[in-house]
């Protein structure tokens, strides 16, 4: 698959549908958060990992993916290695997709999963926490 621009990744991402906003608004929020030094973005292939920096070397992650599942898994492995190398202790993300949680568990890191409620569509929302 050819390498896409950041804008194209966000536009093609299934995760964009869950945000409930247009890609331009999401892209602007990402750009602003980077310039305000509250977030970082990592890229591998056609996957973006947007992380909100939190105290105690922890972070909240958001994923925008335009790669097929096998490549997405490889990308997530590389992100996990990078987060480990720079010293993060804990990274968490929220999703309504239990397959995403299962995929994270296949990376070899322990993932603590908790149900935190429901989204606007009535789907169960899970929080997966990885102790890197």
Protein backbone atom coordinates (compact mmCIF):
# COMPACT_ATOMS: atom_id res chain seq x y z
CA UNK A 1 0.00 0.00 0.00
CA UNK A 2 1.31 3.44 -0.84
CA UNK A 3 2.16 5.88 1.90
CA UNK A 4 -0.69 8.31 2.51
CA UNK A 5 -0.53 11.87 3.78
CA UNK A 6 -1.53 12.54 7.37
CA UNK A 7 -4.77 14.10 6.14
CA UNK A 8 -5.56 11.02 4.03
CA UNK A 9 -4.93 8.68 6.97
CA UNK A 10 -7.37 10.63 9.13
CA UNK A 11 -9.98 10.77 6.32
CA UNK A 12 -9.79 6.98 5.71
CA UNK A 13 -9.66 6.01 9.38
CA UNK A 14 -12.60 4.09 10.83
CA UNK A 15 -11.85 5.85 14.10
CA UNK A 16 -12.84 9.19 12.55
CA UNK A 17 -16.45 7.98 12.39
CA UNK A 18 -16.45 7.48 16.15
CA UNK A 19 -15.18 10.99 16.87
CA UNK A 20 -18.30 12.54 15.33
CA UNK A 21 -16.40 15.40 13.70
CA UNK A 22 -15.10 16.14 10.23
CA UNK A 23 -11.53 15.23 9.34
CA UNK A 24 -10.54 18.92 9.05
CA UNK A 25 -11.58 19.58 12.64
CA UNK A 26 -9.74 16.48 13.89
CA UNK A 27 -6.61 17.41 11.90
CA UNK A 28 -6.72 20.96 13.32
CA UNK A 29 -7.08 19.58 16.88
CA UNK A 30 -4.09 17.30 16.37
CA UNK A 31 -2.00 20.14 14.94
CA UNK A 32 -2.95 22.50 17.79
CA UNK A 33 -2.22 19.91 20.47
CA UNK A 34 1.25 19.30 19.06
CA UNK A 35 2.08 23.00 18.88
CA UNK A 36 0.75 23.43 22.46
CA UNK A 37 3.07 20.60 23.58
CA UNK A 38 0.25 18.57 25.18
CA UNK A 39 0.36 15.67 22.70
CA UNK A 40 2.74 13.83 20.40
CA UNK A 41 2.08 11.98 17.17
CA UNK A 42 3.93 8.86 16.10
CA UNK A 43 3.57 7.49 12.61
CA UNK A 44 4.34 4.07 11.23
CA UNK A 45 3.09 3.15 7.77
CA UNK A 46 -0.42 4.54 7.39
CA UNK A 47 -1.16 4.51 11.11
CA UNK A 48 -0.97 7.50 13.46
CA UNK A 49 -0.72 7.20 17.22
CA UNK A 50 -1.79 10.47 18.84
CA UNK A 51 -0.82 10.47 22.51
CA UNK A 52 -1.87 12.90 25.21
CA UNK A 53 0.99 13.40 27.66
CA UNK A 54 -0.05 12.81 31.28
CA UNK A 55 1.85 12.95 34.60
CA UNK A 56 3.97 10.05 35.86
CA UNK A 57 5.17 9.01 32.39
CA UNK A 58 1.71 7.92 31.29
CA UNK A 59 -0.30 8.77 28.18
CA UNK A 60 -3.72 8.43 26.64
CA UNK A 61 -3.64 7.13 23.08
CA UNK A 62 -5.83 7.69 20.06
CA UNK A 63 -5.27 5.70 16.87
CA UNK A 64 -6.01 6.67 13.28
CA UNK A 65 -5.42 3.79 10.90
CA UNK A 66 -5.64 3.36 7.13
CA UNK A 67 -3.58 0.13 6.92
CA UNK A 68 -4.87 -3.44 6.60
CA UNK A 69 -5.08 -5.45 9.88
CA UNK A 70 -1.75 -7.30 9.54
CA UNK A 71 0.18 -4.09 8.90
CA UNK A 72 -1.75 -2.30 11.63
CA UNK A 73 -0.60 -4.94 14.13
CA UNK A 74 3.02 -4.46 13.01
CA UNK A 75 2.64 -0.69 13.36
CA UNK A 76 1.25 -1.05 16.88
CA UNK A 77 4.22 -3.27 17.86
CA UNK A 78 6.59 -0.54 16.70
CA UNK A 79 4.64 2.09 18.64
CA UNK A 80 4.83 -0.04 21.79
CA UNK A 81 8.61 -0.39 21.40
CA UNK A 82 8.99 3.36 20.87
CA UNK A 83 6.89 4.23 23.92
CA UNK A 84 8.90 1.78 26.00
CA UNK A 85 12.22 3.25 24.78
CA UNK A 86 11.25 6.81 25.72
CA UNK A 87 10.22 5.76 29.21
CA UNK A 88 6.43 5.66 29.34
CA UNK A 89 5.12 3.48 32.17
CA UNK A 90 1.45 3.30 31.22
CA UNK A 91 -0.59 3.99 28.08
CA UNK A 92 -4.35 3.67 27.85
CA UNK A 93 -7.00 4.05 25.21
CA UNK A 94 -10.75 3.73 24.98
CA UNK A 95 -12.69 1.85 22.33
CA UNK A 96 -16.01 0.18 21.67
CA UNK A 97 -14.20 -2.44 19.57
CA UNK A 98 -13.18 -5.48 21.66
CA UNK A 99 -11.15 -6.75 18.67
CA UNK A 100 -8.83 -3.79 19.10
CA UNK A 101 -8.26 -4.76 22.74
CA UNK A 102 -7.60 -8.39 21.72
CA UNK A 103 -5.10 -7.20 19.14
CA UNK A 104 -3.25 -5.16 21.75
CA UNK A 105 -3.05 -8.24 23.96
CA UNK A 106 -1.40 -10.14 21.07
CA UNK A 107 1.47 -7.64 21.14
CA UNK A 108 2.82 -9.37 24.22
CA UNK A 109 2.12 -6.61 26.71
CA UNK A 110 -0.32 -7.18 29.56
CA UNK A 111 -3.53 -5.24 28.92
CA UNK A 112 -5.90 -4.48 31.78
CA UNK A 113 -9.42 -4.10 30.41
CA UNK A 114 -12.32 -2.41 32.12
CA UNK A 115 -15.80 -1.42 30.97
CA UNK A 116 -16.29 2.31 31.46
CA UNK A 117 -19.79 2.91 30.06
CA UNK A 118 -21.56 3.30 26.74
CA UNK A 119 -21.11 5.68 23.84
CA UNK A 120 -23.78 7.79 22.08
CA UNK A 121 -24.76 4.79 19.93
CA UNK A 122 -25.29 2.61 23.01
CA UNK A 123 -22.16 0.51 22.45
CA UNK A 124 -20.08 -0.65 25.41
CA UNK A 125 -16.86 1.34 25.80
CA UNK A 126 -13.75 -0.41 27.06
CA UNK A 127 -10.57 1.09 28.47
CA UNK A 128 -7.45 -0.89 27.76
CA UNK A 129 -4.39 -0.01 29.83
CA UNK A 130 -0.96 -1.26 28.87
CA UNK A 131 1.85 -1.13 31.40
CA UNK A 132 4.76 -0.65 29.03
